Amino acid sequence: MDPHFSSGIPNLAFYKAATAIAGKSWDTAGQIWYKALTGFVPNPNMTMKAFANRTRQLASQMYPGNASVANAVDAGWVAVGL
């Protein structure tokens, strides 16, 4: 089985967003996920929905002139039910 489909909800959302954005995944989607994970005070009680919304917000903030990035991140989360 493809590890992106079997490794968890945020991994699958990332995979779907990164493939929709295209190019090297670290250049855009990876930067969003990295900042979402490291750019805030740790919150061990964060829900998956809150993390999804954080990445959506960061996509819009980090790439304000490129709506396709925010749309891809949102579509990735929608595809996994968030």
C-alpha atoms as a PDB file:
ATOM      1  CA  MET A   1       0.000   0.000   0.000  1.00  0.00           C
ATOM      2  CA  ASP A   2       1.179   3.521  -0.761  1.00  0.00           C
ATOM      3  CA  PRO A   3       2.589   4.975   2.491  1.00  0.00           C
ATOM      4  CA  HIS A   4       0.894   8.329   1.855  1.00  0.00           C
ATOM      5  CA  PHE A   5      -2.479   6.616   1.964  1.00  0.00           C
ATOM      6  CA  SER A   6      -1.713   4.471   4.987  1.00  0.00           C
ATOM      7  CA  SER A   7       0.298   6.775   7.270  1.00  0.00           C
ATOM      8  CA  GLY A   8      -2.414   8.947   8.690  1.00  0.00           C
ATOM      9  CA  ILE A   9      -4.851  11.717   8.022  1.00  0.00           C
ATOM     10  CA  PRO A  10      -2.460  14.713   7.959  1.00  0.00           C
ATOM     11  CA  ASN A  11      -0.006  12.801   5.772  1.00  0.00           C
ATOM     12  CA  LEU A  12      -2.696  12.054   3.218  1.00  0.00           C
ATOM     13  CA  ALA A  13      -3.922  15.670   3.286  1.00  0.00           C
ATOM     14  CA  PHE A  14      -0.328  16.834   2.730  1.00  0.00           C
ATOM     15  CA  TYR A  15       0.154  14.355  -0.121  1.00  0.00           C
ATOM     16  CA  LYS A  16      -3.029  15.486  -1.838  1.00  0.00           C
ATOM     17  CA  ALA A  17      -2.178  19.178  -1.396  1.00  0.00           C
ATOM     18  CA  ALA A  18       1.420  18.743  -2.550  1.00  0.00           C
ATOM     19  CA  THR A  19       0.460  16.792  -5.662  1.00  0.00           C
ATOM     20  CA  ALA A  20      -2.214  19.375  -6.531  1.00  0.00           C
ATOM     21  CA  ILE A  21       0.298  22.218  -6.126  1.00  0.00           C
ATOM     22  CA  ALA A  22       2.845  20.253  -8.205  1.00  0.00           C
ATOM     23  CA  GLY A  23       6.548  20.878  -8.399  1.00  0.00           C
ATOM     24  CA  LYS A  24       8.804  19.871  -5.515  1.00  0.00           C
ATOM     25  CA  SER A  25       6.638  19.265  -2.466  1.00  0.00           C
ATOM     26  CA  TRP A  26       9.069  20.970  -0.102  1.00  0.00           C
ATOM     27  CA  ASP A  27       8.991  24.235  -2.035  1.00  0.00           C
ATOM     28  CA  THR A  28       5.413  25.110  -1.124  1.00  0.00           C
ATOM     29  CA  ALA A  29       3.317  22.523   0.716  1.00  0.00           C
ATOM     30  CA  GLY A  30       6.294  21.478   2.825  1.00  0.00           C
ATOM     31  CA  GLN A  31       6.892  25.051   3.923  1.00  0.00           C
ATOM     32  CA  ILE A  32       3.274  25.409   5.008  1.00  0.00           C
ATOM     33  CA  TRP A  33       3.279  22.177   7.019  1.00  0.00           C
ATOM     34  CA  TYR A  34       6.686  22.945   8.538  1.00  0.00           C
ATOM     35  CA  LYS A  35       5.569  26.369   9.746  1.00  0.00           C
ATOM     36  CA  ALA A  36       2.300  24.903  11.040  1.00  0.00           C
ATOM     37  CA  LEU A  37       4.308  22.407  13.098  1.00  0.00           C
ATOM     38  CA  THR A  38       7.154  24.647  14.285  1.00  0.00           C
ATOM     39  CA  GLY A  39       5.997  28.260  14.074  1.00  0.00           C
ATOM     40  CA  PHE A  40       3.640  28.242  17.049  1.00  0.00           C
ATOM     41  CA  VAL A  41       3.706  27.466  20.741  1.00  0.00           C
ATOM     42  CA  PRO A  42       3.273  23.693  21.193  1.00  0.00           C
ATOM     43  CA  ASN A  43      -0.284  22.642  21.917  1.00  0.00           C
ATOM     44  CA  PRO A  44      -0.574  18.950  22.822  1.00  0.00           C
ATOM     45  CA  ASN A  45      -4.378  19.268  22.890  1.00  0.00           C
ATOM     46  CA  MET A  46      -4.716  20.636  19.362  1.00  0.00           C
ATOM     47  CA  THR A  47      -7.438  18.929  17.372  1.00  0.00           C
ATOM     48  CA  MET A  48      -6.957  17.709  13.833  1.00  0.00           C
ATOM     49  CA  LYS A  49      -9.522  20.277  12.683  1.00  0.00           C
ATOM     50  CA  ALA A  50      -7.546  23.095  14.327  1.00  0.00           C
ATOM     51  CA  PHE A  51      -4.347  21.904  12.642  1.00  0.00           C
ATOM     52  CA  ALA A  52      -6.131  21.721   9.288  1.00  0.00           C
ATOM     53  CA  ASN A  53      -7.398  25.263   9.739  1.00  0.00           C
ATOM     54  CA  ARG A  54      -3.913  26.423  10.706  1.00  0.00           C
ATOM     55  CA  THR A  55      -2.464  25.081   7.460  1.00  0.00           C
ATOM     56  CA  ARG A  56      -5.301  26.665   5.487  1.00  0.00           C
ATOM     57  CA  GLN A  57      -4.612  30.018   7.108  1.00  0.00           C
ATOM     58  CA  LEU A  58      -0.875  29.733   6.542  1.00  0.00           C
ATOM     59  CA  ALA A  59      -1.359  28.843   2.886  1.00  0.00           C
ATOM     60  CA  SER A  60      -3.263  32.084   2.377  1.00  0.00           C
ATOM     61  CA  GLN A  61      -0.790  34.136   4.416  1.00  0.00           C
ATOM     62  CA  MET A  62       2.392  32.679   2.956  1.00  0.00           C
ATOM     63  CA  TYR A  63       1.225  32.694  -0.682  1.00  0.00           C
ATOM     64  CA  PRO A  64      -1.258  35.598  -0.855  1.00  0.00           C
ATOM     65  CA  GLY A  65      -0.930  36.063  -4.609  1.00  0.00           C
ATOM     66  CA  ASN A  66      -1.490  32.409  -5.415  1.00  0.00           C
ATOM     67  CA  ALA A  67      -5.008  31.248  -4.600  1.00  0.00           C
ATOM     68  CA  SER A  68      -4.281  27.834  -6.115  1.00  0.00           C
ATOM     69  CA  VAL A  69      -2.044  27.036  -3.120  1.00  0.00           C
ATOM     70  CA  ALA A  70      -4.791  27.799  -0.596  1.00  0.00           C
ATOM     71  CA  ASN A  71      -7.283  25.888  -2.743  1.00  0.00           C
ATOM     72  CA  ALA A  72      -4.975  22.858  -2.910  1.00  0.00           C
ATOM     73  CA  VAL A  73      -4.446  22.827   0.863  1.00  0.00           C
ATOM     74  CA  ASP A  74      -8.160  23.131   1.458  1.00  0.00           C
ATOM     75  CA  ALA A  75      -8.917  20.389  -1.064  1.00  0.00           C
ATOM     76  CA  GLY A  76      -6.372  18.120   0.612  1.00  0.00           C
ATOM     77  CA  TRP A  77      -8.143  18.467   3.933  1.00  0.00           C
ATOM     78  CA  VAL A  78     -11.608  18.171   2.414  1.00  0.00           C
ATOM     79  CA  ALA A  79     -10.514  14.930   0.753  1.00  0.00           C
ATOM     80  CA  VAL A  80      -9.794  13.428   4.181  1.00  0.00           C
ATOM     81  CA  GLY A  81     -12.996  14.724   5.735  1.00  0.00           C
ATOM     82  CA  LEU A  82     -11.786  17.959   7.274  1.00  0.00           C
END
